[in-house]
Amino acid sequence: MTLLPFLARHARWLMLIGLAFGIAVPQVTQFVRPWLSELVAAMLFTAALRIGPRAALGAMGHLRGTLGALLVFQLICPLALIALAAPFGLLDSPPALALILLMAAAPLASSPNLTLMVGGDPAPALRMLILGMVILPATTLPVFALLPALGGAAGILDAAAKLLLVILAATGLAFALRPLLLPRPGPAAFAQLDGASALLMTVIVLALTSEIRPALIERPGELLGWMALAFAANLGPQVLTLWLRSRGGRPEALEALAMIAGNRNIGLFLVALPAGVTDPLLLFIGCYQVPMFLTPLVMTPLYRRCHARAAGLGIAGRSAITGKDNGDCNAPQSRR
């Protein structure tokens, strides 16, 4: 079969087509949205099957760094936003609430797939996804306690537990079946799985953009404001993380960290918080899908340049310490 490898080669454009179709024909949402949980589970299964348990779990030494990064993303960042908004009385404003909830959310379920599409290793993203969901109830408690509009975090505990169960079931099944289905995976098998992931993500986007077209027709000014906020909230943290990691000469997990810095599962809060809180945020959540699914198309060159720069600086630093010549440190490094 050549269809899935073809979709894998053109995954970025396929997602753009799905995004445009979902905005142009919002009626398709009624066919896709009831299957959203199953689609997410299938996408996680495909990603975990491609990565495998050994790469996904990694060495125990990675756990400390992964946990530290997640605490910065899911706890320190939203608390910092609260500290900035509170003196101005903005905690109840929809834009501030949207940004705080976005920063408090766990990594997006499609983070491993998006990381792969920009040329990175998806294994660290999968580790962060699983651990981020595990610690989500604990990290949301202090954040929600400081947001009077939310009235506590009881709802999120149940929703987080359900999503964590889906993640563990899908990844666990994939890890168990990998020795049987992919005992010695090669490029052809990876191409099939990458194509399946691209197709699943394209279908999922159809269920998440239904609010954009009505807003474009009825209130275009409001849509423009929310869209600008969504692009800044999604791409801004990615660019900042890429810049910091590349300046520090740290290419390890660069793509996964940058991707998760800007891509969070804010949709989880739709099933956990009162409708009075989430309804004003539906348009933002719809707009947020646009930069999310455009990331592989518009950000891949930046990801590659930052990885090459970080790798070059890292080699230069090691050369200075060891006194060995490691060649041209500015040359792009060999990528997977």
Protein backbone atom coordinates (compact mmCIF):
# COMPACT_ATOMS: atom_id res chain seq x y z
CA MET A 1 0.00 0.00 0.00
CA THR A 2 1.35 3.43 -0.97
CA LEU A 3 -1.40 5.70 0.39
CA LEU A 4 -0.14 5.96 3.98
CA PRO A 5 3.50 6.67 3.05
CA PHE A 6 2.20 9.32 0.64
CA LEU A 7 0.18 10.91 3.47
CA ALA A 8 3.25 10.77 5.71
CA ARG A 9 5.35 12.65 3.13
CA HIS A 10 2.67 15.34 2.81
CA ALA A 11 1.41 15.36 6.41
CA ARG A 12 1.85 19.11 6.89
CA TRP A 13 -0.27 19.95 3.86
CA LEU A 14 -2.81 17.28 4.73
CA MET A 15 -3.38 18.89 8.13
CA LEU A 16 -3.74 22.31 6.49
CA ILE A 17 -6.41 20.91 4.17
CA GLY A 18 -8.23 19.38 7.15
CA LEU A 19 -8.03 22.67 9.03
CA ALA A 20 -9.47 24.63 6.10
CA PHE A 21 -12.21 22.06 5.54
CA GLY A 22 -13.21 22.05 9.21
CA ILE A 23 -13.56 25.85 9.17
CA ALA A 24 -15.39 25.96 5.83
CA VAL A 25 -17.81 23.11 6.62
CA PRO A 26 -18.48 23.18 10.39
CA GLN A 27 -21.41 20.79 9.92
CA VAL A 28 -18.92 17.93 9.63
CA THR A 29 -18.29 18.34 13.35
CA GLN A 30 -21.49 16.47 14.19
CA PHE A 31 -20.10 13.35 12.54
CA VAL A 32 -16.61 13.53 14.04
CA ARG A 33 -17.05 14.92 17.56
CA PRO A 34 -18.89 11.87 19.02
CA TRP A 35 -15.81 9.78 18.11
CA LEU A 36 -13.24 12.22 19.45
CA SER A 37 -12.19 10.07 22.42
CA GLU A 38 -11.74 7.02 20.21
CA LEU A 39 -9.75 9.04 17.66
CA VAL A 40 -7.44 10.38 20.37
CA ALA A 41 -6.92 6.85 21.71
CA ALA A 42 -6.13 5.56 18.19
CA MET A 43 -3.65 8.40 17.65
CA LEU A 44 -1.91 7.66 20.95
CA PHE A 45 -1.81 3.94 20.11
CA THR A 46 -0.20 4.68 16.74
CA ALA A 47 2.39 7.02 18.26
CA ALA A 48 3.27 4.57 21.05
CA LEU A 49 3.50 1.68 18.57
CA ARG A 50 5.98 3.65 16.49
CA ILE A 51 8.11 4.75 19.45
CA GLY A 52 8.16 1.51 21.44
CA PRO A 53 8.42 1.05 25.23
CA ARG A 54 12.20 1.29 25.54
CA ALA A 55 12.46 4.69 23.83
CA ALA A 56 9.26 6.01 25.41
CA LEU A 57 10.16 5.19 28.99
CA GLY A 58 13.83 6.11 28.58
CA ALA A 59 16.39 5.97 31.32
CA MET A 60 15.34 6.73 34.87
CA GLY A 61 17.76 9.65 34.78
CA HIS A 62 15.36 11.42 32.38
CA LEU A 63 12.56 11.45 34.94
CA ARG A 64 13.95 14.28 37.03
CA GLY A 65 14.45 16.62 34.09
CA THR A 66 11.05 15.74 32.63
CA LEU A 67 9.29 16.41 35.92
CA GLY A 68 11.12 19.70 36.36
CA ALA A 69 10.12 20.92 32.90
CA LEU A 70 6.49 19.95 33.48
CA LEU A 71 6.36 21.75 36.82
CA VAL A 72 7.60 24.89 35.09
CA PHE A 73 5.04 24.52 32.30
CA GLN A 74 1.98 23.44 34.30
CA LEU A 75 2.54 25.18 37.64
CA ILE A 76 5.09 28.02 37.57
CA CYS A 77 3.85 29.59 34.31
CA PRO A 78 0.12 29.78 35.25
CA LEU A 79 0.98 31.03 38.74
CA ALA A 80 3.16 33.73 37.16
CA LEU A 81 0.26 34.77 34.93
CA ILE A 82 -2.03 34.94 37.96
CA ALA A 83 0.48 37.12 39.76
CA LEU A 84 0.56 39.49 36.77
CA ALA A 85 -3.23 39.63 36.27
CA ALA A 86 -4.40 39.82 39.89
CA PRO A 87 -3.18 43.39 40.70
CA PHE A 88 -5.15 44.72 37.71
CA GLY A 89 -8.36 42.80 38.56
CA LEU A 90 -8.18 40.74 35.38
CA LEU A 91 -8.52 37.23 36.81
CA ASP A 92 -12.16 37.03 35.71
CA SER A 93 -11.56 38.42 32.22
CA PRO A 94 -11.94 35.80 29.43
CA PRO A 95 -8.51 36.48 27.80
CA ALA A 96 -6.62 36.19 31.10
CA LEU A 97 -8.61 33.12 32.12
CA ALA A 98 -7.96 31.50 28.74
CA LEU A 99 -4.21 32.00 29.02
CA ILE A 100 -4.05 30.78 32.62
CA LEU A 101 -6.05 27.64 31.87
CA LEU A 102 -3.96 27.00 28.76
CA MET A 103 -0.72 27.18 30.74
CA ALA A 104 -2.16 24.97 33.50
CA ALA A 105 -3.18 22.24 31.04
CA ALA A 106 -1.27 19.02 30.44
CA PRO A 107 0.57 18.39 27.14
CA LEU A 108 -1.56 17.93 24.07
CA ALA A 109 -2.32 14.31 23.21
CA SER A 110 -0.92 14.82 19.71
CA SER A 111 2.39 16.24 20.99
CA PRO A 112 4.43 13.15 20.00
CA ASN A 113 2.97 13.24 16.48
CA LEU A 114 3.59 16.99 16.10
CA THR A 115 7.14 16.58 17.42
CA LEU A 116 7.82 13.91 14.82
CA MET A 117 6.49 16.16 12.06
CA VAL A 118 8.99 18.93 12.86
CA GLY A 119 11.87 16.44 12.77
CA GLY A 120 12.23 15.71 16.47
CA ASP A 121 12.32 12.58 18.59
CA PRO A 122 8.73 11.83 19.73
CA ALA A 123 9.79 9.67 22.70
CA PRO A 124 10.46 12.57 25.14
CA ALA A 125 7.12 14.10 24.14
CA LEU A 126 5.33 10.86 24.96
CA ARG A 127 7.07 10.68 28.35
CA MET A 128 6.03 14.25 29.09
CA LEU A 129 2.47 13.54 27.97
CA ILE A 130 2.08 10.60 30.34
CA LEU A 131 3.80 12.25 33.31
CA GLY A 132 2.01 15.54 32.68
CA MET A 133 -1.36 13.82 32.99
CA VAL A 134 -0.23 12.00 36.14
CA ILE A 135 0.68 15.23 37.93
CA LEU A 136 -2.18 17.34 36.49
CA PRO A 137 -4.51 16.99 39.50
CA ALA A 138 -1.76 18.16 41.84
CA THR A 139 -0.62 21.08 39.67
CA THR A 140 -4.14 22.39 39.06
CA LEU A 141 -5.08 22.57 42.74
CA PRO A 142 -3.05 25.70 43.61
CA VAL A 143 -3.90 27.34 40.28
CA PHE A 144 -7.65 26.77 40.63
CA ALA A 145 -7.58 27.86 44.26
CA LEU A 146 -6.44 31.32 43.12
CA LEU A 147 -9.12 31.65 40.41
CA PRO A 148 -12.44 32.62 42.03
CA ALA A 149 -14.41 31.93 38.85
CA LEU A 150 -13.61 28.21 38.97
CA GLY A 151 -14.85 27.34 42.43
CA GLY A 152 -12.38 24.57 43.17
CA ALA A 153 -10.80 21.74 41.23
CA ALA A 154 -13.11 18.82 41.96
CA GLY A 155 -14.29 18.51 38.36
CA ILE A 156 -10.83 18.38 36.85
CA LEU A 157 -9.78 15.46 39.03
CA ASP A 158 -12.36 13.16 37.45
CA ALA A 159 -11.70 14.42 33.93
CA ALA A 160 -7.93 14.08 34.34
CA ALA A 161 -8.33 10.54 35.68
CA LYS A 162 -10.45 9.54 32.68
CA LEU A 163 -8.00 10.98 30.16
CA LEU A 164 -5.06 9.43 31.97
CA LEU A 165 -6.82 6.06 31.77
CA VAL A 166 -7.23 6.48 27.99
CA ILE A 167 -3.56 7.41 27.62
CA LEU A 168 -2.31 4.49 29.71
CA ALA A 169 -4.63 2.00 28.00
CA ALA A 170 -3.68 3.09 24.47
CA THR A 171 0.07 3.26 25.12
CA GLY A 172 0.11 0.10 27.23
CA LEU A 173 -1.65 -1.88 24.51
CA ALA A 174 0.73 -0.54 21.87
CA PHE A 175 3.79 -1.43 23.95
CA ALA A 176 2.44 -4.92 24.57
CA LEU A 177 1.72 -5.54 20.87
CA ARG A 178 4.87 -4.01 19.43
CA PRO A 179 7.02 -7.17 19.68
CA LEU A 180 4.29 -9.01 17.75
CA LEU A 181 3.39 -6.36 15.18
CA LEU A 182 6.79 -4.68 14.74
CA PRO A 183 9.56 -7.01 15.89
CA ARG A 184 12.12 -5.32 13.62
CA PRO A 185 10.57 -2.10 12.31
CA GLY A 186 12.18 -0.45 9.33
CA PRO A 187 11.60 2.70 7.27
CA ALA A 188 8.64 1.17 5.43
CA ALA A 189 6.80 0.33 8.66
CA PHE A 190 7.54 3.77 10.11
CA ALA A 191 6.19 5.41 6.96
CA GLN A 192 2.93 3.46 7.30
CA LEU A 193 2.53 4.52 10.94
CA ASP A 194 3.42 8.15 10.19
CA GLY A 195 0.80 8.23 7.46
CA ALA A 196 -1.82 6.78 9.80
CA SER A 197 -0.95 9.39 12.43
CA ALA A 198 -1.26 12.22 9.91
CA LEU A 199 -4.66 10.94 8.79
CA LEU A 200 -5.94 10.63 12.36
CA MET A 201 -4.79 14.13 13.27
CA THR A 202 -6.46 15.55 10.17
CA VAL A 203 -9.76 13.95 11.12
CA ILE A 204 -9.46 15.15 14.72
CA VAL A 205 -9.03 18.77 13.68
CA LEU A 206 -12.44 18.62 12.01
CA ALA A 207 -14.05 18.27 15.45
CA LEU A 208 -12.28 21.25 16.99
CA THR A 209 -12.84 24.20 14.66
CA SER A 210 -16.64 24.47 14.50
CA GLU A 211 -16.77 27.84 16.29
CA ILE A 212 -14.60 29.72 13.78
CA ARG A 213 -16.89 30.02 10.74
CA PRO A 214 -19.95 31.39 12.64
CA ALA A 215 -17.70 33.94 14.36
CA LEU A 216 -16.16 34.93 11.02
CA ILE A 217 -19.61 35.76 9.68
CA GLU A 218 -21.23 37.28 12.77
CA ARG A 219 -18.40 38.93 14.75
CA PRO A 220 -15.17 39.10 12.73
CA GLY A 221 -13.55 41.69 15.04
CA GLU A 222 -13.86 39.42 18.06
CA LEU A 223 -12.57 36.48 16.02
CA LEU A 224 -9.50 38.49 14.98
CA GLY A 225 -8.69 39.33 18.60
CA TRP A 226 -9.02 35.74 19.79
CA MET A 227 -7.02 34.47 16.80
CA ALA A 228 -4.17 36.87 17.57
CA LEU A 229 -4.16 35.74 21.20
CA ALA A 230 -4.17 32.07 20.14
CA PHE A 231 -1.18 32.53 17.81
CA ALA A 232 0.77 34.39 20.49
CA ALA A 233 -0.07 31.80 23.17
CA ASN A 234 0.85 28.85 20.93
CA LEU A 235 3.83 30.01 18.88
CA GLY A 236 5.31 32.41 21.45
CA PRO A 237 6.29 29.74 24.02
CA GLN A 238 7.64 27.53 21.23
CA VAL A 239 9.91 30.27 19.90
CA LEU A 240 11.07 31.24 23.40
CA THR A 241 11.91 27.64 24.31
CA LEU A 242 13.75 27.07 21.03
CA TRP A 243 15.75 30.25 21.56
CA LEU A 244 16.69 29.41 25.15
CA ARG A 245 17.68 25.81 24.39
CA SER A 246 19.64 26.70 21.25
CA ARG A 247 21.54 29.49 23.01
CA GLY A 248 22.46 27.04 25.75
CA GLY A 249 23.75 24.44 23.29
CA ARG A 250 21.24 21.85 24.48
CA PRO A 251 19.72 19.92 21.54
CA GLU A 252 18.46 17.05 23.71
CA ALA A 253 14.64 16.86 23.55
CA LEU A 254 14.63 20.39 22.13
CA GLU A 255 11.72 19.73 19.77
CA ALA A 256 9.60 17.95 22.39
CA LEU A 257 10.10 20.69 24.99
CA ALA A 258 9.33 23.49 22.55
CA MET A 259 6.28 21.69 21.17
CA ILE A 260 4.80 21.04 24.60
CA ALA A 261 5.61 24.57 25.77
CA GLY A 262 3.06 25.90 23.28
CA ASN A 263 0.63 23.00 22.79
CA ARG A 264 -1.58 22.10 25.74
CA ASN A 265 -4.78 20.15 26.18
CA ILE A 266 -7.03 23.06 27.20
CA GLY A 267 -9.97 21.14 25.77
CA LEU A 268 -9.83 18.88 28.82
CA PHE A 269 -11.27 21.70 30.91
CA LEU A 270 -14.44 21.75 28.78
CA VAL A 271 -15.64 18.59 30.48
CA ALA A 272 -14.43 19.54 33.94
CA LEU A 273 -15.44 23.16 34.53
CA PRO A 274 -18.86 24.88 34.64
CA ALA A 275 -20.34 25.89 31.30
CA GLY A 276 -20.54 29.47 32.50
CA VAL A 277 -16.75 29.52 32.71
CA THR A 278 -15.92 27.64 29.51
CA ASP A 279 -18.56 28.99 27.10
CA PRO A 280 -16.81 32.37 26.67
CA LEU A 281 -13.60 30.45 25.88
CA LEU A 282 -14.98 28.20 23.12
CA LEU A 283 -13.96 30.60 20.37
CA PHE A 284 -10.43 30.84 21.77
CA ILE A 285 -10.19 27.04 21.89
CA GLY A 286 -11.33 26.87 18.27
CA CYS A 287 -8.82 29.55 17.23
CA TYR A 288 -6.10 27.74 19.16
CA GLN A 289 -6.37 24.79 16.77
CA VAL A 290 -5.16 26.96 13.87
CA PRO A 291 -1.59 27.66 15.05
CA MET A 292 -1.45 24.19 16.59
CA PHE A 293 -2.03 22.42 13.30
CA LEU A 294 -0.05 24.97 11.29
CA THR A 295 3.04 24.41 13.46
CA PRO A 296 4.51 21.55 11.35
CA LEU A 297 4.07 23.63 8.20
CA VAL A 298 5.37 27.02 9.34
CA MET A 299 7.73 26.16 12.21
CA THR A 300 9.74 23.21 10.89
CA PRO A 301 12.53 25.36 9.36
CA LEU A 302 12.97 27.20 12.68
CA TYR A 303 13.03 23.92 14.62
CA ARG A 304 15.74 22.57 12.32
CA ARG A 305 17.88 25.71 12.51
CA CYS A 306 17.65 25.84 16.30
CA HIS A 307 18.52 22.15 16.63
CA ALA A 308 21.55 22.59 14.37
CA ARG A 309 22.66 25.67 16.30
CA ALA A 310 22.21 23.96 19.69
CA ALA A 311 24.09 20.89 18.50
CA GLY A 312 26.88 23.03 17.10
CA LEU A 313 27.26 25.03 20.31
CA GLY A 314 27.21 21.84 22.36
CA ILE A 315 30.00 20.30 20.30
CA ALA A 316 31.99 23.55 20.48
CA GLY A 317 31.64 23.61 24.25
CA ARG A 318 32.83 20.03 24.58
CA SER A 319 35.74 20.79 22.24
CA ALA A 320 36.80 23.71 24.41
CA ILE A 321 36.84 21.45 27.46
CA THR A 322 38.57 18.46 25.86
CA GLY A 323 40.80 20.41 23.48
CA LYS A 324 39.71 18.23 20.56
CA ASP A 325 38.68 19.48 17.15
CA ASN A 326 35.18 18.28 16.29
CA GLY A 327 34.92 19.88 12.87
CA ASP A 328 32.46 22.54 11.76
CA CYS A 329 30.15 23.19 14.71
CA ASN A 330 27.82 25.33 12.63
CA ALA A 331 27.05 22.61 10.13
CA PRO A 332 23.60 20.99 10.47
CA GLN A 333 23.83 17.82 12.48
CA SER A 334 22.70 14.46 11.19
CA ARG A 335 18.98 14.10 11.86
CA ARG A 336 16.91 11.01 12.12
